PDB file of N, CA and C in Angstrom:
ATOM      1  N   MET A   1      44.295 143.549  71.784  1.00  0.00           N
ATOM      2  CA  MET A   1      44.785 142.569  72.864  1.00  0.00           C
ATOM      3  C   MET A   1      46.293 142.305  72.598  1.00  0.00           C
ATOM      4  N   LYS A   2      47.127 142.334  73.443  1.00  0.00           N
ATOM      5  CA  LYS A   2      48.474 142.006  73.276  1.00  0.00           C
ATOM      6  C   LYS A   2      48.707 140.544  73.242  1.00  0.00           C
ATOM      7  N   SER A   3      49.479 140.018  72.315  1.00  0.00           N
ATOM      8  CA  SER A   3      49.763 138.597  72.207  1.00  0.00           C
ATOM      9  C   SER A   3      51.153 138.510  71.872  1.00  0.00           C
ATOM     10  N   SER A   4      51.845 137.309  72.215  1.00  0.00           N
ATOM     11  CA  SER A   4      53.123 137.056  71.912  1.00  0.00           C
ATOM     12  C   SER A   4      53.306 135.538  71.692  1.00  0.00           C
ATOM     13  N   THR A   5      54.316 135.153  70.925  1.00  0.00           N
ATOM     14  CA  THR A   5      54.456 133.757  70.711  1.00  0.00           C
ATOM     15  C   THR A   5      55.941 133.384  71.175  1.00  0.00           C
ATOM     16  N   ILE A   6      56.046 132.187  71.668  1.00  0.00           N
ATOM     17  CA  ILE A   6      57.396 131.567  72.139  1.00  0.00           C
ATOM     18  C   ILE A   6      57.536 130.273  71.754  1.00  0.00           C
ATOM     19  N   ASP A   7      58.595 129.598  72.081  1.00  0.00           N
ATOM     20  CA  ASP A   7      58.852 128.165  71.795  1.00  0.00           C
ATOM     21  C   ASP A   7      58.661 127.958  70.331  1.00  0.00           C
ATOM     22  N   GLU A   8      59.357 128.675  69.522  1.00  0.00           N
ATOM     23  CA  GLU A   8      59.270 128.581  67.954  1.00  0.00           C
ATOM     24  C   GLU A   8      57.839 128.600  67.505  1.00  0.00           C
ATOM     25  N   GLY A   9      57.074 129.555  68.136  1.00  0.00           N
ATOM     26  CA  GLY A   9      55.668 129.784  67.620  1.00  0.00           C
ATOM     27  C   GLY A   9      54.554 128.773  68.195  1.00  0.00           C
ATOM     28  N   ARG A  10      54.998 127.789  68.921  1.00  0.00           N
ATOM     29  CA  ARG A  10      53.991 126.769  69.374  1.00  0.00           C
ATOM     30  C   ARG A  10      53.254 127.276  70.520  1.00  0.00           C
ATOM     31  N   VAL A  11      53.798 128.203  71.445  1.00  0.00           N
ATOM     32  CA  VAL A  11      53.029 128.736  72.580  1.00  0.00           C
ATOM     33  C   VAL A  11      52.615 130.064  72.386  1.00  0.00           C
ATOM     34  N   VAL A  12      51.408 130.396  72.585  1.00  0.00           N
ATOM     35  CA  VAL A  12      50.882 131.801  72.393  1.00  0.00           C
ATOM     36  C   VAL A  12      50.462 132.254  73.837  1.00  0.00           C
ATOM     37  N   ILE A  13      50.814 133.510  74.056  1.00  0.00           N
ATOM     38  CA  ILE A  13      50.389 134.322  75.402  1.00  0.00           C
ATOM     39  C   ILE A  13      49.437 135.395  74.980  1.00  0.00           C
ATOM     40  N   LEU A  14      48.246 135.322  75.441  1.00  0.00           N
ATOM     41  CA  LEU A  14      47.290 136.473  75.256  1.00  0.00           C
ATOM     42  C   LEU A  14      47.308 137.246  76.536  1.00  0.00           C
ATOM     43  N   GLU A  15      47.134 138.486  76.538  1.00  0.00           N
ATOM     44  CA  GLU A  15      47.156 139.496  77.725  1.00  0.00           C
ATOM     45  C   GLU A  15      45.972 140.330  77.537  1.00  0.00           C
ATOM     46  N   PRO A  16      44.747 139.939  77.946  1.00  0.00           N
ATOM     47  CA  PRO A  16      43.582 140.771  78.110  1.00  0.00           C
ATOM     48  C   PRO A  16      43.926 141.780  79.178  1.00  0.00           C
ATOM     49  N   LYS A  17      43.141 143.046  79.110  1.00  0.00           N
ATOM     50  CA  LYS A  17      43.323 144.080  79.987  1.00  0.00           C
ATOM     51  C   LYS A  17      41.981 144.557  80.383  1.00  0.00           C
ATOM     52  N   GLY A  18      41.912 145.217  81.588  1.00  0.00           N
ATOM     53  CA  GLY A  18      40.758 145.833  82.045  1.00  0.00           C
ATOM     54  C   GLY A  18      39.845 144.814  82.734  1.00  0.00           C
ATOM     55  N   SER A  19      38.601 145.147  82.591  1.00  0.00           N
ATOM     56  CA  SER A  19      37.560 144.278  83.161  1.00  0.00           C
ATOM     57  C   SER A  19      36.878 143.391  81.951  1.00  0.00           C
ATOM     58  N   LEU A  20      36.746 142.076  82.231  1.00  0.00           N
ATOM     59  CA  LEU A  20      36.161 141.161  81.307  1.00  0.00           C
ATOM     60  C   LEU A  20      34.652 140.996  81.739  1.00  0.00           C
ATOM     61  N   VAL A  21      33.787 141.749  81.215  1.00  0.00           N
ATOM     62  CA  VAL A  21      32.389 141.708  81.731  1.00  0.00           C
ATOM     63  C   VAL A  21      31.273 141.563  80.624  1.00  0.00           C
ATOM     64  N   GLY A  22      31.838 140.900  79.442  1.00  0.00           N
ATOM     65  CA  GLY A  22      30.854 140.487  78.430  1.00  0.00           C
ATOM     66  C   GLY A  22      30.847 141.500  77.357  1.00  0.00           C
ATOM     67  N   GLY A  23      31.640 142.519  77.313  1.00  0.00           N
ATOM     68  CA  GLY A  23      31.598 143.659  76.454  1.00  0.00           C
ATOM     69  C   GLY A  23      32.582 143.404  75.306  1.00  0.00           C
ATOM     70  N   ASP A  24      33.152 144.469  74.825  1.00  0.00           N
ATOM     71  CA  ASP A  24      34.136 144.375  73.628  1.00  0.00           C
ATOM     72  C   ASP A  24      35.403 143.542  74.052  1.00  0.00           C
ATOM     73  N   GLU A  25      35.853 143.831  75.280  1.00  0.00           N
ATOM     74  CA  GLU A  25      37.057 143.138  75.822  1.00  0.00           C
ATOM     75  C   GLU A  25      36.793 141.529  75.768  1.00  0.00           C
ATOM     76  N   THR A  26      35.747 141.135  76.165  1.00  0.00           N
ATOM     77  CA  THR A  26      35.416 139.688  76.225  1.00  0.00           C
ATOM     78  C   THR A  26      35.297 139.139  74.836  1.00  0.00           C
ATOM     79  N   ASP A  27      34.633 139.956  73.886  1.00  0.00           N
ATOM     80  CA  ASP A  27      34.365 139.517  72.502  1.00  0.00           C
ATOM     81  C   ASP A  27      35.761 139.389  71.797  1.00  0.00           C
ATOM     82  N   GLU A  28      36.614 140.382  72.089  1.00  0.00           N
ATOM     83  CA  GLU A  28      37.981 140.367  71.443  1.00  0.00           C
ATOM     84  C   GLU A  28      38.680 139.102  72.008  1.00  0.00           C
ATOM     85  N   LEU A  29      38.653 138.772  73.280  1.00  0.00           N
ATOM     86  CA  LEU A  29      39.337 137.615  73.815  1.00  0.00           C
ATOM     87  C   LEU A  29      38.829 136.266  73.080  1.00  0.00           C
ATOM     88  N   LYS A  30      37.482 136.226  73.020  1.00  0.00           N
ATOM     89  CA  LYS A  30      36.890 135.038  72.167  1.00  0.00           C
ATOM     90  C   LYS A  30      37.387 135.028  70.764  1.00  0.00           C
ATOM     91  N   ARG A  31      37.431 136.110  70.096  1.00  0.00           N
ATOM     92  CA  ARG A  31      37.870 136.075  68.696  1.00  0.00           C
ATOM     93  C   ARG A  31      39.287 135.731  68.645  1.00  0.00           C
ATOM     94  N   SER A  32      40.138 136.263  69.521  1.00  0.00           N
ATOM     95  CA  SER A  32      41.571 135.903  69.524  1.00  0.00           C
ATOM     96  C   SER A  32      41.755 134.445  69.707  1.00  0.00           C
ATOM     97  N   ILE A  33      40.984 133.891  70.700  1.00  0.00           N
ATOM     98  CA  ILE A  33      41.154 132.432  70.918  1.00  0.00           C
ATOM     99  C   ILE A  33      40.650 131.616  69.783  1.00  0.00           C
ATOM    100  N   GLN A  34      39.620 131.878  69.184  1.00  0.00           N
ATOM    101  CA  GLN A  34      39.038 131.306  67.960  1.00  0.00           C
ATOM    102  C   GLN A  34      40.035 131.331  66.844  1.00  0.00           C
ATOM    103  N   ASP A  35      40.563 132.479  66.602  1.00  0.00           N
ATOM    104  CA  ASP A  35      41.624 132.621  65.483  1.00  0.00           C
ATOM    105  C   ASP A  35      42.788 131.704  65.770  1.00  0.00           C
ATOM    106  N   LEU A  36      43.215 131.574  66.941  1.00  0.00           N
ATOM    107  CA  LEU A  36      44.369 130.743  67.299  1.00  0.00           C
ATOM    108  C   LEU A  36      44.080 129.368  67.064  1.00  0.00           C
ATOM    109  N   LEU A  37      42.726 128.880  67.477  1.00  0.00           N
ATOM    110  CA  LEU A  37      42.477 127.535  67.314  1.00  0.00           C
ATOM    111  C   LEU A  37      42.329 127.217  65.746  1.00  0.00           C
ATOM    112  N   GLU A  38      41.833 128.158  64.983  1.00  0.00           N
ATOM    113  CA  GLU A  38      41.620 127.917  63.610  1.00  0.00           C
ATOM    114  C   GLU A  38      42.974 127.828  62.898  1.00  0.00           C
ATOM    115  N   LYS A  39      43.976 128.437  63.434  1.00  0.00           N
ATOM    116  CA  LYS A  39      45.358 128.404  62.887  1.00  0.00           C
ATOM    117  C   LYS A  39      46.066 127.098  63.336  1.00  0.00           C
ATOM    118  N   GLY A  40      45.436 126.294  64.176  1.00  0.00           N
ATOM    119  CA  GLY A  40      46.079 125.110  64.703  1.00  0.00           C
ATOM    120  C   GLY A  40      46.875 125.218  65.982  1.00  0.00           C
ATOM    121  N   ASN A  41      46.770 126.350  66.605  1.00  0.00           N
ATOM    122  CA  ASN A  41      47.487 126.462  67.938  1.00  0.00           C
ATOM    123  C   ASN A  41      46.963 125.329  69.005  1.00  0.00           C
ATOM    124  N   ARG A  42      47.987 124.827  69.706  1.00  0.00           N
ATOM    125  CA  ARG A  42      47.595 123.798  70.692  1.00  0.00           C
ATOM    126  C   ARG A  42      48.051 124.156  72.038  1.00  0.00           C
ATOM    127  N   LYS A  43      48.815 125.275  72.283  1.00  0.00           N
ATOM    128  CA  LYS A  43      49.274 125.745  73.529  1.00  0.00           C
ATOM    129  C   LYS A  43      49.015 127.150  73.796  1.00  0.00           C
ATOM    130  N   LEU A  44      48.099 127.556  74.765  1.00  0.00           N
ATOM    131  CA  LEU A  44      47.777 128.863  75.023  1.00  0.00           C
ATOM    132  C   LEU A  44      47.917 129.214  76.422  1.00  0.00           C
ATOM    133  N   ILE A  45      48.591 130.346  76.718  1.00  0.00           N
ATOM    134  CA  ILE A  45      48.661 130.960  78.032  1.00  0.00           C
ATOM    135  C   ILE A  45      47.858 132.263  78.060  1.00  0.00           C
ATOM    136  N   ILE A  46      46.964 132.300  78.952  1.00  0.00           N
ATOM    137  CA  ILE A  46      46.201 133.598  79.147  1.00  0.00           C
ATOM    138  C   ILE A  46      46.744 134.276  80.410  1.00  0.00           C
ATOM    139  N   ASP A  47      47.379 135.290  80.210  1.00  0.00           N
ATOM    140  CA  ASP A  47      48.062 136.169  81.412  1.00  0.00           C
ATOM    141  C   ASP A  47      47.051 137.190  81.816  1.00  0.00           C
ATOM    142  N   LEU A  48      46.359 136.947  82.959  1.00  0.00           N
ATOM    143  CA  LEU A  48      45.406 137.817  83.643  1.00  0.00           C
ATOM    144  C   LEU A  48      45.961 138.819  84.551  1.00  0.00           C
ATOM    145  N   GLY A  49      47.259 139.166  84.325  1.00  0.00           N
ATOM    146  CA  GLY A  49      47.828 140.120  85.209  1.00  0.00           C
ATOM    147  C   GLY A  49      47.403 141.548  85.121  1.00  0.00           C
ATOM    148  N   ASN A  50      46.742 141.849  83.973  1.00  0.00           N
ATOM    149  CA  ASN A  50      46.119 143.329  83.760  1.00  0.00           C
ATOM    150  C   ASN A  50      44.611 143.208  83.733  1.00  0.00           C
ATOM    151  N   VAL A  51      43.983 142.034  84.202  1.00  0.00           N
ATOM    152  CA  VAL A  51      42.530 142.080  84.368  1.00  0.00           C
ATOM    153  C   VAL A  51      42.161 142.266  85.774  1.00  0.00           C
ATOM    154  N   GLU A  52      41.367 143.282  86.012  1.00  0.00           N
ATOM    155  CA  GLU A  52      40.918 143.642  87.297  1.00  0.00           C
ATOM    156  C   GLU A  52      39.730 142.807  87.797  1.00  0.00           C
ATOM    157  N   TYR A  53      38.862 142.447  86.752  1.00  0.00           N
ATOM    158  CA  TYR A  53      37.630 141.797  87.169  1.00  0.00           C
ATOM    159  C   TYR A  53      37.042 141.089  86.067  1.00  0.00           C
ATOM    160  N   LEU A  54      36.400 139.905  86.303  1.00  0.00           N
ATOM    161  CA  LEU A  54      35.715 139.240  85.147  1.00  0.00           C
ATOM    162  C   LEU A  54      34.332 138.655  85.801  1.00  0.00           C
ATOM    163  N   ASN A  55      33.415 138.520  84.887  1.00  0.00           N
ATOM    164  CA  ASN A  55      32.071 138.057  85.276  1.00  0.00           C
ATOM    165  C   ASN A  55      31.806 136.821  84.586  1.00  0.00           C
ATOM    166  N   SER A  56      30.547 136.280  84.774  1.00  0.00           N
ATOM    167  CA  SER A  56      30.262 135.021  84.269  1.00  0.00           C
ATOM    168  C   SER A  56      30.446 134.999  82.780  1.00  0.00           C
ATOM    169  N   SER A  57      30.269 135.906  81.956  1.00  0.00           N
ATOM    170  CA  SER A  57      30.451 135.964  80.541  1.00  0.00           C
ATOM    171  C   SER A  57      31.927 135.548  80.235  1.00  0.00           C
ATOM    172  N   ALA A  58      32.870 136.234  80.968  1.00  0.00           N
ATOM    173  CA  ALA A  58      34.251 135.950  80.735  1.00  0.00           C
ATOM    174  C   ALA A  58      34.626 134.601  81.239  1.00  0.00           C
ATOM    175  N   ILE A  59      33.941 134.104  82.294  1.00  0.00           N
ATOM    176  CA  ILE A  59      34.358 132.800  82.887  1.00  0.00           C
ATOM    177  C   ILE A  59      33.828 131.773  81.714  1.00  0.00           C
ATOM    178  N   GLY A  60      32.607 131.977  81.223  1.00  0.00           N
ATOM    179  CA  GLY A  60      32.131 131.160  80.121  1.00  0.00           C
ATOM    180  C   GLY A  60      33.117 131.020  78.972  1.00  0.00           C
ATOM    181  N   ALA A  61      33.666 132.285  78.609  1.00  0.00           N
ATOM    182  CA  ALA A  61      34.536 132.250  77.470  1.00  0.00           C
ATOM    183  C   ALA A  61      35.932 131.451  77.805  1.00  0.00           C
ATOM    184  N   LEU A  62      36.284 131.578  79.039  1.00  0.00           N
ATOM    185  CA  LEU A  62      37.460 130.805  79.351  1.00  0.00           C
ATOM    186  C   LEU A  62      37.228 129.313  79.488  1.00  0.00           C
ATOM    187  N   VAL A  63      36.087 128.983  80.053  1.00  0.00           N
ATOM    188  CA  VAL A  63      35.685 127.499  80.028  1.00  0.00           C
ATOM    189  C   VAL A  63      35.483 126.961  78.670  1.00  0.00           C
ATOM    190  N   SER A  64      34.862 127.745  77.732  1.00  0.00           N
ATOM    191  CA  SER A  64      34.728 127.294  76.337  1.00  0.00           C
ATOM    192  C   SER A  64      36.071 127.146  75.600  1.00  0.00           C
ATOM    193  N   ALA A  65      36.990 128.087  75.909  1.00  0.00           N
ATOM    194  CA  ALA A  65      38.296 128.020  75.352  1.00  0.00           C
ATOM    195  C   ALA A  65      39.015 126.756  75.860  1.00  0.00           C
ATOM    196  N   HIS A  66      39.000 126.685  77.217  1.00  0.00           N
ATOM    197  CA  HIS A  66      39.600 125.417  77.854  1.00  0.00           C
ATOM    198  C   HIS A  66      39.083 124.094  77.132  1.00  0.00           C
ATOM    199  N   THR A  67      37.886 123.957  77.016  1.00  0.00           N
ATOM    200  CA  THR A  67      37.144 122.773  76.424  1.00  0.00           C
ATOM    201  C   THR A  67      37.677 122.539  74.937  1.00  0.00           C
ATOM    202  N   SER A  68      37.640 123.738  74.126  1.00  0.00           N
ATOM    203  CA  SER A  68      38.033 123.700  72.813  1.00  0.00           C
ATOM    204  C   SER A  68      39.516 123.136  72.566  1.00  0.00           C
ATOM    205  N   TYR A  69      40.399 123.719  73.518  1.00  0.00           N
ATOM    206  CA  TYR A  69      41.774 123.278  73.480  1.00  0.00           C
ATOM    207  C   TYR A  69      41.909 121.687  73.809  1.00  0.00           C
ATOM    208  N   LEU A  70      41.168 121.308  74.811  1.00  0.00           N
ATOM    209  CA  LEU A  70      41.206 119.932  75.266  1.00  0.00           C
ATOM    210  C   LEU A  70      40.726 118.931  74.107  1.00  0.00           C
ATOM    211  N   ASN A  71      39.725 119.441  73.448  1.00  0.00           N
ATOM    212  CA  ASN A  71      39.084 118.675  72.302  1.00  0.00           C
ATOM    213  C   ASN A  71      39.992 118.574  71.189  1.00  0.00           C
ATOM    214  N   ARG A  72      40.915 119.509  71.122  1.00  0.00           N
ATOM    215  CA  ARG A  72      41.965 119.382  70.021  1.00  0.00           C
ATOM    216  C   ARG A  72      43.401 118.872  70.488  1.00  0.00           C
ATOM    217  N   GLN A  73      43.356 118.191  71.614  1.00  0.00           N
ATOM    218  CA  GLN A  73      44.544 117.629  72.268  1.00  0.00           C
ATOM    219  C   GLN A  73      45.478 118.664  72.546  1.00  0.00           C
ATOM    220  N   GLY A  74      45.048 119.909  72.872  1.00  0.00           N
ATOM    221  CA  GLY A  74      45.815 121.053  73.288  1.00  0.00           C
ATOM    222  C   GLY A  74      45.679 121.339  74.638  1.00  0.00           C
ATOM    223  N   ARG A  75      46.239 122.450  75.101  1.00  0.00           N
ATOM    224  CA  ARG A  75      46.270 122.832  76.494  1.00  0.00           C
ATOM    225  C   ARG A  75      46.281 124.336  76.742  1.00  0.00           C
ATOM    226  N   MET A  76      45.456 124.792  77.634  1.00  0.00           N
ATOM    227  CA  MET A  76      45.258 126.268  78.020  1.00  0.00           C
ATOM    228  C   MET A  76      45.538 126.432  79.427  1.00  0.00           C
ATOM    229  N   VAL A  77      46.364 127.333  79.825  1.00  0.00           N
ATOM    230  CA  VAL A  77      46.677 127.668  81.249  1.00  0.00           C
ATOM    231  C   VAL A  77      46.638 129.090  81.439  1.00  0.00           C
ATOM    232  N   LEU A  78      46.363 129.412  82.749  1.00  0.00           N
ATOM    233  CA  LEU A  78      46.232 130.827  83.090  1.00  0.00           C
ATOM    234  C   LEU A  78      47.511 131.215  84.010  1.00  0.00           C
ATOM    235  N   CYS A  79      47.828 132.474  83.971  1.00  0.00           N
ATOM    236  CA  CYS A  79      48.918 133.035  84.829  1.00  0.00           C
ATOM    237  C   CYS A  79      48.640 134.371  85.430  1.00  0.00           C
ATOM    238  N   ASN A  80      49.297 134.763  86.401  1.00  0.00           N
ATOM    239  CA  ASN A  80      49.150 136.068  87.049  1.00  0.00           C
ATOM    240  C   ASN A  80      47.615 136.403  87.348  1.00  0.00           C
ATOM    241  N   VAL A  81      46.937 135.358  87.936  1.00  0.00           N
ATOM    242  CA  VAL A  81      45.670 135.535  88.421  1.00  0.00           C
ATOM    243  C   VAL A  81      45.624 136.308  89.728  1.00  0.00           C
ATOM    244  N   ASN A  82      44.951 137.503  89.794  1.00  0.00           N
ATOM    245  CA  ASN A  82      44.866 138.188  91.080  1.00  0.00           C
ATOM    246  C   ASN A  82      43.985 137.445  92.118  1.00  0.00           C
ATOM    247  N   LYS A  83      44.096 138.009  93.397  1.00  0.00           N
ATOM    248  CA  LYS A  83      43.413 137.342  94.433  1.00  0.00           C
ATOM    249  C   LYS A  83      41.803 137.263  94.312  1.00  0.00           C
ATOM    250  N   SER A  84      41.265 138.353  93.829  1.00  0.00           N
ATOM    251  CA  SER A  84      39.839 138.369  93.601  1.00  0.00           C
ATOM    252  C   SER A  84      39.391 137.389  92.508  1.00  0.00           C
ATOM    253  N   ILE A  85      39.999 137.325  91.473  1.00  0.00           N
ATOM    254  CA  ILE A  85      39.637 136.369  90.375  1.00  0.00           C
ATOM    255  C   ILE A  85      40.030 134.906  90.947  1.00  0.00           C
ATOM    256  N   SER A  86      41.098 134.837  91.667  1.00  0.00           N
ATOM    257  CA  SER A  86      41.399 133.425  92.037  1.00  0.00           C
ATOM    258  C   SER A  86      40.298 133.019  93.072  1.00  0.00           C
ATOM    259  N   ASN A  87      39.775 133.919  93.869  1.00  0.00           N
ATOM    260  CA  ASN A  87      38.617 133.494  94.755  1.00  0.00           C
ATOM    261  C   ASN A  87      37.386 133.162  93.997  1.00  0.00           C
ATOM    262  N   VAL A  88      37.226 133.847  92.884  1.00  0.00           N
ATOM    263  CA  VAL A  88      35.910 133.443  92.016  1.00  0.00           C
ATOM    264  C   VAL A  88      36.199 131.957  91.563  1.00  0.00           C
ATOM    265  N   PHE A  89      37.432 131.642  91.039  1.00  0.00           N
ATOM    266  CA  PHE A  89      37.749 130.315  90.572  1.00  0.00           C
ATOM    267  C   PHE A  89      37.606 129.295  91.697  1.00  0.00           C
ATOM    268  N   ILE A  90      37.962 129.617  92.890  1.00  0.00           N
ATOM    269  CA  ILE A  90      37.829 128.810  94.046  1.00  0.00           C
ATOM    270  C   ILE A  90      36.327 128.455  94.423  1.00  0.00           C
ATOM    271  N   VAL A  91      35.513 129.513  94.530  1.00  0.00           N
ATOM    272  CA  VAL A  91      34.104 129.438  94.882  1.00  0.00           C
ATOM    273  C   VAL A  91      33.338 128.636  93.949  1.00  0.00           C
ATOM    274  N   THR A  92      33.614 128.843  92.541  1.00  0.00           N
ATOM    275  CA  THR A  92      32.920 128.176  91.453  1.00  0.00           C
ATOM    276  C   THR A  92      33.479 126.821  91.201  1.00  0.00           C
ATOM    277  N   LYS A  93      34.600 126.515  91.872  1.00  0.00           N
ATOM    278  CA  LYS A  93      35.263 125.101  91.721  1.00  0.00           C
ATOM    279  C   LYS A  93      36.037 125.045  90.468  1.00  0.00           C
ATOM    280  N   LEU A  94      36.164 126.201  89.631  1.00  0.00           N
ATOM    281  CA  LEU A  94      37.009 126.127  88.562  1.00  0.00           C
ATOM    282  C   LEU A  94      38.428 126.048  88.757  1.00  0.00           C
ATOM    283  N   SER A  95      38.870 126.179  89.914  1.00  0.00           N
ATOM    284  CA  SER A  95      40.265 126.084  90.352  1.00  0.00           C
ATOM    285  C   SER A  95      40.676 124.702  90.112  1.00  0.00           C
ATOM    286  N   THR A  96      39.681 123.696  90.087  1.00  0.00           N
ATOM    287  CA  THR A  96      39.989 122.236  89.781  1.00  0.00           C
ATOM    288  C   THR A  96      40.160 121.985  88.423  1.00  0.00           C
ATOM    289  N   ILE A  97      39.701 122.934  87.447  1.00  0.00           N
ATOM    290  CA  ILE A  97      39.775 122.745  86.043  1.00  0.00           C
ATOM    291  C   ILE A  97      40.880 123.436  85.463  1.00  0.00           C
ATOM    292  N   PHE A  98      41.109 124.672  85.778  1.00  0.00           N
ATOM    293  CA  PHE A  98      42.114 125.538  85.147  1.00  0.00           C
ATOM    294  C   PHE A  98      43.461 125.259  85.861  1.00  0.00           C
ATOM    295  N   ALA A  99      44.432 125.076  85.109  1.00  0.00           N
ATOM    296  CA  ALA A  99      45.830 125.128  85.692  1.00  0.00           C
ATOM    297  C   ALA A  99      46.258 126.642  85.641  1.00  0.00           C
ATOM    298  N   ALA A 100      46.557 127.127  86.845  1.00  0.00           N
ATOM    299  CA  ALA A 100      46.877 128.566  87.053  1.00  0.00           C
ATOM    300  C   ALA A 100      48.317 128.584  87.840  1.00  0.00           C
ATOM    301  N   PHE A 101      49.053 129.643  87.236  1.00  0.00           N
ATOM    302  CA  PHE A 101      50.351 129.743  87.832  1.00  0.00           C
ATOM    303  C   PHE A 101      50.431 131.238  88.222  1.00  0.00           C
ATOM    304  N   ASP A 102      51.277 131.453  89.381  1.00  0.00           N
ATOM    305  CA  ASP A 102      51.526 132.717  89.903  1.00  0.00           C
ATOM    306  C   ASP A 102      52.388 133.579  88.859  1.00  0.00           C
ATOM    307  N   LYS A 103      53.351 132.922  88.287  1.00  0.00           N
ATOM    308  CA  LYS A 103      54.336 133.670  87.314  1.00  0.00           C
ATOM    309  C   LYS A 103      54.159 133.180  85.942  1.00  0.00           C
ATOM    310  N   ARG A 104      54.340 134.051  85.038  1.00  0.00           N
ATOM    311  CA  ARG A 104      54.300 133.651  83.639  1.00  0.00           C
ATOM    312  C   ARG A 104      55.305 132.635  83.316  1.00  0.00           C
ATOM    313  N   GLU A 105      56.557 132.837  83.935  1.00  0.00           N
ATOM    314  CA  GLU A 105      57.674 131.868  83.558  1.00  0.00           C
ATOM    315  C   GLU A 105      57.263 130.466  83.924  1.00  0.00           C
ATOM    316  N   ASP A 106      56.555 130.331  85.083  1.00  0.00           N
ATOM    317  CA  ASP A 106      56.122 128.992  85.487  1.00  0.00           C
ATOM    318  C   ASP A 106      55.048 128.469  84.470  1.00  0.00           C
ATOM    319  N   ALA A 107      54.263 129.189  83.956  1.00  0.00           N
ATOM    320  CA  ALA A 107      53.162 128.799  83.030  1.00  0.00           C
ATOM    321  C   ALA A 107      54.035 128.376  81.699  1.00  0.00           C
ATOM    322  N   ILE A 108      54.924 129.110  81.311  1.00  0.00           N
ATOM    323  CA  ILE A 108      55.713 128.867  80.082  1.00  0.00           C
ATOM    324  C   ILE A 108      56.452 127.420  80.288  1.00  0.00           C
ATOM    325  N   TYR A 109      57.115 127.338  81.420  1.00  0.00           N
ATOM    326  CA  TYR A 109      57.878 126.031  81.712  1.00  0.00           C
ATOM    327  C   TYR A 109      56.856 124.867  81.642  1.00  0.00           C
ATOM    328  N   ASP A 110      55.689 124.952  82.313  1.00  0.00           N
ATOM    329  CA  ASP A 110      54.744 123.897  82.337  1.00  0.00           C
ATOM    330  C   ASP A 110      54.071 123.680  81.004  1.00  0.00           C
ATOM    331  N   ILE A 111      53.814 124.545  80.249  1.00  0.00           N
ATOM    332  CA  ILE A 111      53.067 124.275  78.983  1.00  0.00           C
ATOM    333  C   ILE A 111      53.988 123.851  77.730  1.00  0.00           C
ATOM    334  N   ALA A 112      55.275 124.342  77.849  1.00  0.00           N
ATOM    335  CA  ALA A 112      56.191 123.946  76.873  1.00  0.00           C
ATOM    336  C   ALA A 112      56.833 122.660  76.844  1.00  0.00           C
ATOM    337  N   LYS A 113      56.541 121.890  77.942  1.00  0.00           N
ATOM    338  CA  LYS A 113      57.089 120.545  78.086  1.00  0.00           C
ATOM    339  C   LYS A 113      56.476 119.705  76.953  1.00  0.00           C
TER     340      LYS A 113
END
């Protein structure tokens, strides 16, 4: 999974690819997030621009990550969420929980404050 850091290493951007349906990709996302938390990261952007589909396992991983960041006085946001994934968030009411931005630049601006 591609990742990058900005803002002098304080903000990390993860870029999962493909479909997050509870397989290796979802496990890799969970491991990456857990590693970041263990290293003390407090600001995470997950760029979903290359994710075509996600299921309940991936949603659970995102909710768990969001909760873990909040519990550590951190913040996790999403960006580049496609229309079908956005609809899933709306139907499940997760759109009220996750901060999601159309552009990566907007997510960076928001989380880096």
